[in-house]
Amino acid sequence: MIKSILFSAYIFITSIAVVSAQQFSLDDTYESKIKDAYGITDVPLPPGKWKIFDLEVVGTVDTGDFFVYASFMPANISDQERRYNDTVNINLFGSSSEETDYRKSYFICDQNWFAGSDIMKIDKRPDGTFEEKCGVNLADPSVNVGQVFGNTAMNYQYTLCEESCVELFYSFEGDNYKHDRENFIEIGNKIFSNVENAIAGQSNSLSFISDYKN
């Protein structure tokens, strides 16, 4: 009887946790940070208000068998303008999803589009988990990445794959920022530090990005 009561209490508490987790909506705007996204992590956002222009959610969140692909852009611009503005991609993989196993089988920072990266770190751990941090500055004319024409973005990629996987991609329109190599690396290191703090449940903010605007 006691075991049954305890089990029921556990299910009730778990269901509350799932409901309270932040699930994305095309109708909402987001600012500063997203708290407890799908019960996996907090996600810091650059300054301003953000909206979703592309969202795919597959699976059942409360079982952990799910994955989420979400693309964000500033809330004050149209879909047609997003190519020339900042974007944020947030991809989350639940602990029981086949997509999570697939994501753990490769490293994005090893791909061709990060050739010429000014920031590159892949931490492969003995237990099979890993963390990736890389950044490529297409606003720098000395960076030559094949098949990328007219792209002046400053791109930063962060991935942490443990039981679940968190994949964050921040892209800033280089013409709007101080995009020389020194500033590019400085911005990236600050982004990665704050993302790691967010995942660890510590204080974090990307408000500093405004300091690098032209």
C-alpha atoms as a PDB file:
ATOM      1  CA  MET A   1       0.000   0.000   0.000  1.00  0.00           C
ATOM      2  CA  ILE A   2       2.771   2.434   0.975  1.00  0.00           C
ATOM      3  CA  LYS A   3       4.725   1.561  -2.177  1.00  0.00           C
ATOM      4  CA  SER A   4       1.621   2.218  -4.257  1.00  0.00           C
ATOM      5  CA  ILE A   5       1.105   5.604  -2.636  1.00  0.00           C
ATOM      6  CA  LEU A   6       4.753   6.543  -3.111  1.00  0.00           C
ATOM      7  CA  PHE A   7       4.653   5.467  -6.748  1.00  0.00           C
ATOM      8  CA  SER A   8       1.488   7.514  -7.365  1.00  0.00           C
ATOM      9  CA  ALA A   9       3.128  10.512  -5.721  1.00  0.00           C
ATOM     10  CA  TYR A  10       6.184  10.086  -7.936  1.00  0.00           C
ATOM     11  CA  ILE A  11       4.016   9.978 -11.091  1.00  0.00           C
ATOM     12  CA  PHE A  12       2.136  13.078  -9.929  1.00  0.00           C
ATOM     13  CA  ILE A  13       5.335  15.011  -9.229  1.00  0.00           C
ATOM     14  CA  THR A  14       6.830  13.928 -12.552  1.00  0.00           C
ATOM     15  CA  SER A  15       3.731  15.070 -14.424  1.00  0.00           C
ATOM     16  CA  ILE A  16       3.938  18.481 -12.719  1.00  0.00           C
ATOM     17  CA  ALA A  17       7.577  18.801 -13.786  1.00  0.00           C
ATOM     18  CA  VAL A  18       6.702  18.008 -17.401  1.00  0.00           C
ATOM     19  CA  VAL A  19       3.817  20.478 -17.468  1.00  0.00           C
ATOM     20  CA  SER A  20       5.945  23.239 -15.922  1.00  0.00           C
ATOM     21  CA  ALA A  21       8.736  22.776 -18.489  1.00  0.00           C
ATOM     22  CA  GLN A  22       8.783  25.408 -21.223  1.00  0.00           C
ATOM     23  CA  GLN A  23       7.454  24.028 -24.511  1.00  0.00           C
ATOM     24  CA  PHE A  24       7.820  26.197 -27.608  1.00  0.00           C
ATOM     25  CA  SER A  25       4.923  27.825 -29.420  1.00  0.00           C
ATOM     26  CA  LEU A  26       4.750  29.686 -32.719  1.00  0.00           C
ATOM     27  CA  ASP A  27       2.401  32.162 -31.021  1.00  0.00           C
ATOM     28  CA  ASP A  28       4.788  33.210 -28.234  1.00  0.00           C
ATOM     29  CA  THR A  29       7.666  35.665 -28.038  1.00  0.00           C
ATOM     30  CA  TYR A  30      10.751  35.015 -25.909  1.00  0.00           C
ATOM     31  CA  GLU A  31      13.146  37.376 -24.182  1.00  0.00           C
ATOM     32  CA  SER A  32      16.429  37.104 -22.259  1.00  0.00           C
ATOM     33  CA  LYS A  33      16.305  33.343 -21.649  1.00  0.00           C
ATOM     34  CA  ILE A  34      14.100  30.292 -21.978  1.00  0.00           C
ATOM     35  CA  LYS A  35      13.692  28.548 -18.649  1.00  0.00           C
ATOM     36  CA  ASP A  36      13.687  24.757 -18.478  1.00  0.00           C
ATOM     37  CA  ALA A  37      13.122  24.173 -22.196  1.00  0.00           C
ATOM     38  CA  TYR A  38      11.378  20.798 -22.524  1.00  0.00           C
ATOM     39  CA  GLY A  39      12.712  19.876 -19.098  1.00  0.00           C
ATOM     40  CA  ILE A  40      16.268  19.673 -20.451  1.00  0.00           C
ATOM     41  CA  THR A  41      17.970  23.047 -20.006  1.00  0.00           C
ATOM     42  CA  ASP A  42      17.755  26.807 -19.736  1.00  0.00           C
ATOM     43  CA  VAL A  43      18.720  28.609 -22.956  1.00  0.00           C
ATOM     44  CA  PRO A  44      20.108  32.173 -22.917  1.00  0.00           C
ATOM     45  CA  LEU A  45      18.915  34.425 -25.741  1.00  0.00           C
ATOM     46  CA  PRO A  46      20.604  37.496 -27.235  1.00  0.00           C
ATOM     47  CA  PRO A  47      19.104  40.910 -26.378  1.00  0.00           C
ATOM     48  CA  GLY A  48      15.625  41.764 -27.682  1.00  0.00           C
ATOM     49  CA  LYS A  49      12.441  39.817 -28.269  1.00  0.00           C
ATOM     50  CA  TRP A  50      12.482  36.626 -30.322  1.00  0.00           C
ATOM     51  CA  LYS A  51       9.882  34.578 -32.196  1.00  0.00           C
ATOM     52  CA  ILE A  52       9.931  31.122 -33.802  1.00  0.00           C
ATOM     53  CA  PHE A  53       9.825  30.876 -37.594  1.00  0.00           C
ATOM     54  CA  ASP A  54      10.295  27.117 -37.850  1.00  0.00           C
ATOM     55  CA  LEU A  55       9.359  24.442 -35.311  1.00  0.00           C
ATOM     56  CA  GLU A  56       9.346  20.651 -35.402  1.00  0.00           C
ATOM     57  CA  VAL A  57       8.489  18.572 -32.357  1.00  0.00           C
ATOM     58  CA  VAL A  58       8.405  14.792 -32.704  1.00  0.00           C
ATOM     59  CA  GLY A  59       7.654  12.275 -29.962  1.00  0.00           C
ATOM     60  CA  THR A  60       6.273  12.322 -26.445  1.00  0.00           C
ATOM     61  CA  VAL A  61       7.955  14.747 -24.077  1.00  0.00           C
ATOM     62  CA  ASP A  62       7.004  13.078 -20.794  1.00  0.00           C
ATOM     63  CA  THR A  63       8.634   9.771 -21.840  1.00  0.00           C
ATOM     64  CA  GLY A  64      11.883  11.372 -23.011  1.00  0.00           C
ATOM     65  CA  ASP A  65      11.304   9.896 -26.481  1.00  0.00           C
ATOM     66  CA  PHE A  66      11.260  13.164 -28.417  1.00  0.00           C
ATOM     67  CA  PHE A  67      13.304  15.704 -30.312  1.00  0.00           C
ATOM     68  CA  VAL A  68      12.755  19.390 -31.005  1.00  0.00           C
ATOM     69  CA  TYR A  69      14.093  21.600 -33.796  1.00  0.00           C
ATOM     70  CA  ALA A  70      13.309  25.289 -33.341  1.00  0.00           C
ATOM     71  CA  SER A  71      14.582  28.334 -35.259  1.00  0.00           C
ATOM     72  CA  PHE A  72      14.221  31.807 -33.781  1.00  0.00           C
ATOM     73  CA  MET A  73      14.547  35.303 -35.254  1.00  0.00           C
ATOM     74  CA  PRO A  74      14.019  38.822 -33.869  1.00  0.00           C
ATOM     75  CA  ALA A  75      10.317  39.407 -33.273  1.00  0.00           C
ATOM     76  CA  ASN A  76      10.287  42.725 -35.122  1.00  0.00           C
ATOM     77  CA  ILE A  77      11.280  41.404 -38.567  1.00  0.00           C
ATOM     78  CA  SER A  78       9.459  39.498 -41.299  1.00  0.00           C
ATOM     79  CA  ASP A  79      10.258  36.027 -42.591  1.00  0.00           C
ATOM     80  CA  GLN A  80      11.663  37.600 -45.755  1.00  0.00           C
ATOM     81  CA  GLU A  81      14.160  39.655 -43.740  1.00  0.00           C
ATOM     82  CA  ARG A  82      15.538  36.866 -41.582  1.00  0.00           C
ATOM     83  CA  ARG A  83      18.372  35.980 -44.007  1.00  0.00           C
ATOM     84  CA  TYR A  84      19.996  39.308 -43.231  1.00  0.00           C
ATOM     85  CA  ASN A  85      19.410  39.251 -39.488  1.00  0.00           C
ATOM     86  CA  ASP A  86      20.430  37.323 -36.396  1.00  0.00           C
ATOM     87  CA  THR A  87      19.017  33.840 -35.837  1.00  0.00           C
ATOM     88  CA  VAL A  88      19.149  31.259 -33.059  1.00  0.00           C
ATOM     89  CA  ASN A  89      18.578  27.531 -33.562  1.00  0.00           C
ATOM     90  CA  ILE A  90      17.730  25.381 -30.555  1.00  0.00           C
ATOM     91  CA  ASN A  91      17.727  21.606 -30.988  1.00  0.00           C
ATOM     92  CA  LEU A  92      16.875  19.371 -28.042  1.00  0.00           C
ATOM     93  CA  PHE A  93      16.994  15.579 -27.957  1.00  0.00           C
ATOM     94  CA  GLY A  94      15.257  13.617 -25.203  1.00  0.00           C
ATOM     95  CA  SER A  95      17.039  10.871 -23.312  1.00  0.00           C
ATOM     96  CA  SER A  96      15.056   8.020 -24.903  1.00  0.00           C
ATOM     97  CA  SER A  97      14.914   9.188 -28.518  1.00  0.00           C
ATOM     98  CA  GLU A  98      16.562   7.324 -31.397  1.00  0.00           C
ATOM     99  CA  GLU A  99      17.455  10.772 -32.732  1.00  0.00           C
ATOM    100  CA  THR A 100      19.581  11.274 -29.609  1.00  0.00           C
ATOM    101  CA  ASP A 101      21.594   8.148 -30.374  1.00  0.00           C
ATOM    102  CA  TYR A 102      22.090   9.377 -33.924  1.00  0.00           C
ATOM    103  CA  ARG A 103      23.192  12.818 -32.732  1.00  0.00           C
ATOM    104  CA  LYS A 104      25.796  11.199 -30.490  1.00  0.00           C
ATOM    105  CA  SER A 105      27.402   9.555 -33.524  1.00  0.00           C
ATOM    106  CA  TYR A 106      28.928  12.644 -35.128  1.00  0.00           C
ATOM    107  CA  PHE A 107      30.446  16.053 -34.398  1.00  0.00           C
ATOM    108  CA  ILE A 108      29.070  19.161 -36.091  1.00  0.00           C
ATOM    109  CA  CYS A 109      32.322  21.045 -35.523  1.00  0.00           C
ATOM    110  CA  ASP A 110      34.040  18.493 -37.780  1.00  0.00           C
ATOM    111  CA  GLN A 111      31.809  19.386 -40.739  1.00  0.00           C
ATOM    112  CA  ASN A 112      32.952  21.371 -43.792  1.00  0.00           C
ATOM    113  CA  TRP A 113      30.990  24.499 -42.946  1.00  0.00           C
ATOM    114  CA  PHE A 114      33.185  25.021 -39.883  1.00  0.00           C
ATOM    115  CA  ALA A 115      36.396  24.849 -41.913  1.00  0.00           C
ATOM    116  CA  GLY A 116      38.548  27.855 -41.070  1.00  0.00           C
ATOM    117  CA  SER A 117      37.061  28.135 -37.574  1.00  0.00           C
ATOM    118  CA  ASP A 118      38.636  30.634 -35.208  1.00  0.00           C
ATOM    119  CA  ILE A 119      37.145  28.682 -32.286  1.00  0.00           C
ATOM    120  CA  MET A 120      37.334  24.896 -32.233  1.00  0.00           C
ATOM    121  CA  LYS A 121      37.069  22.572 -29.257  1.00  0.00           C
ATOM    122  CA  ILE A 122      35.643  19.056 -29.139  1.00  0.00           C
ATOM    123  CA  ASP A 123      35.812  17.426 -25.714  1.00  0.00           C
ATOM    124  CA  LYS A 124      35.330  13.664 -26.180  1.00  0.00           C
ATOM    125  CA  ARG A 125      34.906  11.966 -22.821  1.00  0.00           C
ATOM    126  CA  PRO A 126      35.693   8.329 -21.874  1.00  0.00           C
ATOM    127  CA  ASP A 127      32.024   7.597 -21.111  1.00  0.00           C
ATOM    128  CA  GLY A 128      30.946   8.527 -24.653  1.00  0.00           C
ATOM    129  CA  THR A 129      29.523  11.948 -23.751  1.00  0.00           C
ATOM    130  CA  PHE A 130      30.964  15.033 -25.395  1.00  0.00           C
ATOM    131  CA  GLU A 131      30.886  18.820 -25.650  1.00  0.00           C
ATOM    132  CA  GLU A 132      31.500  20.881 -28.793  1.00  0.00           C
ATOM    133  CA  LYS A 133      32.306  24.571 -29.130  1.00  0.00           C
ATOM    134  CA  CYS A 134      33.186  26.084 -32.483  1.00  0.00           C
ATOM    135  CA  GLY A 135      32.780  29.316 -34.375  1.00  0.00           C
ATOM    136  CA  VAL A 136      33.392  30.440 -37.949  1.00  0.00           C
ATOM    137  CA  ASN A 137      33.424  34.090 -38.968  1.00  0.00           C
ATOM    138  CA  LEU A 138      32.087  34.410 -42.514  1.00  0.00           C
ATOM    139  CA  ALA A 139      32.156  38.199 -42.089  1.00  0.00           C
ATOM    140  CA  ASP A 140      35.945  37.934 -42.198  1.00  0.00           C
ATOM    141  CA  PRO A 141      37.033  37.998 -45.869  1.00  0.00           C
ATOM    142  CA  SER A 142      40.080  35.872 -45.059  1.00  0.00           C
ATOM    143  CA  VAL A 143      37.852  32.916 -44.101  1.00  0.00           C
ATOM    144  CA  ASN A 144      37.198  30.727 -47.116  1.00  0.00           C
ATOM    145  CA  VAL A 145      34.391  28.202 -46.750  1.00  0.00           C
ATOM    146  CA  GLY A 146      33.318  26.422 -49.930  1.00  0.00           C
ATOM    147  CA  GLN A 147      29.849  26.990 -51.358  1.00  0.00           C
ATOM    148  CA  VAL A 148      29.123  29.970 -49.086  1.00  0.00           C
ATOM    149  CA  PHE A 149      28.578  33.047 -51.238  1.00  0.00           C
ATOM    150  CA  GLY A 150      27.582  36.459 -49.936  1.00  0.00           C
ATOM    151  CA  ASN A 151      27.256  35.178 -46.390  1.00  0.00           C
ATOM    152  CA  THR A 152      28.586  37.592 -43.764  1.00  0.00           C
ATOM    153  CA  ALA A 153      27.371  35.772 -40.655  1.00  0.00           C
ATOM    154  CA  MET A 154      29.245  35.200 -37.412  1.00  0.00           C
ATOM    155  CA  ASN A 155      28.349  31.615 -36.495  1.00  0.00           C
ATOM    156  CA  TYR A 156      28.743  29.917 -33.115  1.00  0.00           C
ATOM    157  CA  GLN A 157      27.853  26.281 -32.422  1.00  0.00           C
ATOM    158  CA  TYR A 158      27.524  24.663 -28.992  1.00  0.00           C
ATOM    159  CA  THR A 159      26.605  21.020 -28.340  1.00  0.00           C
ATOM    160  CA  LEU A 160      26.444  19.003 -25.144  1.00  0.00           C
ATOM    161  CA  CYS A 161      25.513  15.318 -25.429  1.00  0.00           C
ATOM    162  CA  GLU A 162      25.107  13.425 -22.196  1.00  0.00           C
ATOM    163  CA  GLU A 163      21.899  11.546 -21.300  1.00  0.00           C
ATOM    164  CA  SER A 164      20.086  14.106 -23.455  1.00  0.00           C
ATOM    165  CA  CYS A 165      21.572  16.365 -26.127  1.00  0.00           C
ATOM    166  CA  VAL A 166      21.486  20.165 -26.310  1.00  0.00           C
ATOM    167  CA  GLU A 167      22.477  21.808 -29.583  1.00  0.00           C
ATOM    168  CA  LEU A 168      22.550  25.624 -29.872  1.00  0.00           C
ATOM    169  CA  PHE A 169      23.489  27.646 -32.926  1.00  0.00           C
ATOM    170  CA  TYR A 170      23.844  31.441 -32.694  1.00  0.00           C
ATOM    171  CA  SER A 171      24.251  33.389 -35.942  1.00  0.00           C
ATOM    172  CA  PHE A 172      24.801  37.159 -36.059  1.00  0.00           C
ATOM    173  CA  GLU A 173      24.792  39.354 -39.153  1.00  0.00           C
ATOM    174  CA  GLY A 174      28.430  40.458 -39.218  1.00  0.00           C
ATOM    175  CA  ASP A 175      27.777  43.829 -40.879  1.00  0.00           C
ATOM    176  CA  ASN A 176      25.942  44.888 -37.698  1.00  0.00           C
ATOM    177  CA  TYR A 177      28.731  43.937 -35.279  1.00  0.00           C
ATOM    178  CA  LYS A 178      32.411  44.465 -34.575  1.00  0.00           C
ATOM    179  CA  HIS A 179      33.436  41.359 -36.467  1.00  0.00           C
ATOM    180  CA  ASP A 180      37.224  41.483 -36.554  1.00  0.00           C
ATOM    181  CA  ARG A 181      38.902  38.275 -35.380  1.00  0.00           C
ATOM    182  CA  GLU A 182      39.596  39.514 -31.845  1.00  0.00           C
ATOM    183  CA  ASN A 183      36.011  40.569 -31.209  1.00  0.00           C
ATOM    184  CA  PHE A 184      34.632  37.455 -32.909  1.00  0.00           C
ATOM    185  CA  ILE A 185      36.584  35.167 -30.564  1.00  0.00           C
ATOM    186  CA  GLU A 186      35.754  37.287 -27.521  1.00  0.00           C
ATOM    187  CA  ILE A 187      32.016  37.149 -28.268  1.00  0.00           C
ATOM    188  CA  GLY A 188      32.186  33.384 -28.793  1.00  0.00           C
ATOM    189  CA  ASN A 189      34.009  32.668 -25.560  1.00  0.00           C
ATOM    190  CA  LYS A 190      31.465  34.736 -23.634  1.00  0.00           C
ATOM    191  CA  ILE A 191      28.539  32.999 -25.331  1.00  0.00           C
ATOM    192  CA  PHE A 192      29.927  29.547 -24.558  1.00  0.00           C
ATOM    193  CA  SER A 193      30.650  30.473 -20.944  1.00  0.00           C
ATOM    194  CA  ASN A 194      27.100  31.719 -20.416  1.00  0.00           C
ATOM    195  CA  VAL A 195      25.573  28.706 -22.166  1.00  0.00           C
ATOM    196  CA  GLU A 196      27.542  26.389 -19.875  1.00  0.00           C
ATOM    197  CA  ASN A 197      26.304  28.389 -16.880  1.00  0.00           C
ATOM    198  CA  ALA A 198      22.721  28.097 -18.139  1.00  0.00           C
ATOM    199  CA  ILE A 199      22.977  24.336 -18.516  1.00  0.00           C
ATOM    200  CA  ALA A 200      24.461  24.104 -15.016  1.00  0.00           C
ATOM    201  CA  GLY A 201      21.589  26.178 -13.604  1.00  0.00           C
ATOM    202  CA  GLN A 202      23.856  29.118 -12.790  1.00  0.00           C
ATOM    203  CA  SER A 203      23.517  32.837 -13.513  1.00  0.00           C
ATOM    204  CA  ASN A 204      23.781  33.664 -17.209  1.00  0.00           C
ATOM    205  CA  SER A 205      23.027  36.412 -19.708  1.00  0.00           C
ATOM    206  CA  LEU A 206      23.822  37.319 -23.314  1.00  0.00           C
ATOM    207  CA  SER A 207      23.038  41.015 -22.796  1.00  0.00           C
ATOM    208  CA  PHE A 208      26.753  41.783 -23.394  1.00  0.00           C
ATOM    209  CA  ILE A 209      26.239  41.195 -27.127  1.00  0.00           C
ATOM    210  CA  SER A 210      24.767  44.690 -27.449  1.00  0.00           C
ATOM    211  CA  ASP A 211      28.213  46.075 -26.540  1.00  0.00           C
ATOM    212  CA  TYR A 212      29.599  44.714 -29.819  1.00  0.00           C
ATOM    213  CA  LYS A 213      27.042  46.335 -32.133  1.00  0.00           C
ATOM    214  CA  ASN A 214      28.278  48.933 -34.599  1.00  0.00           C
END
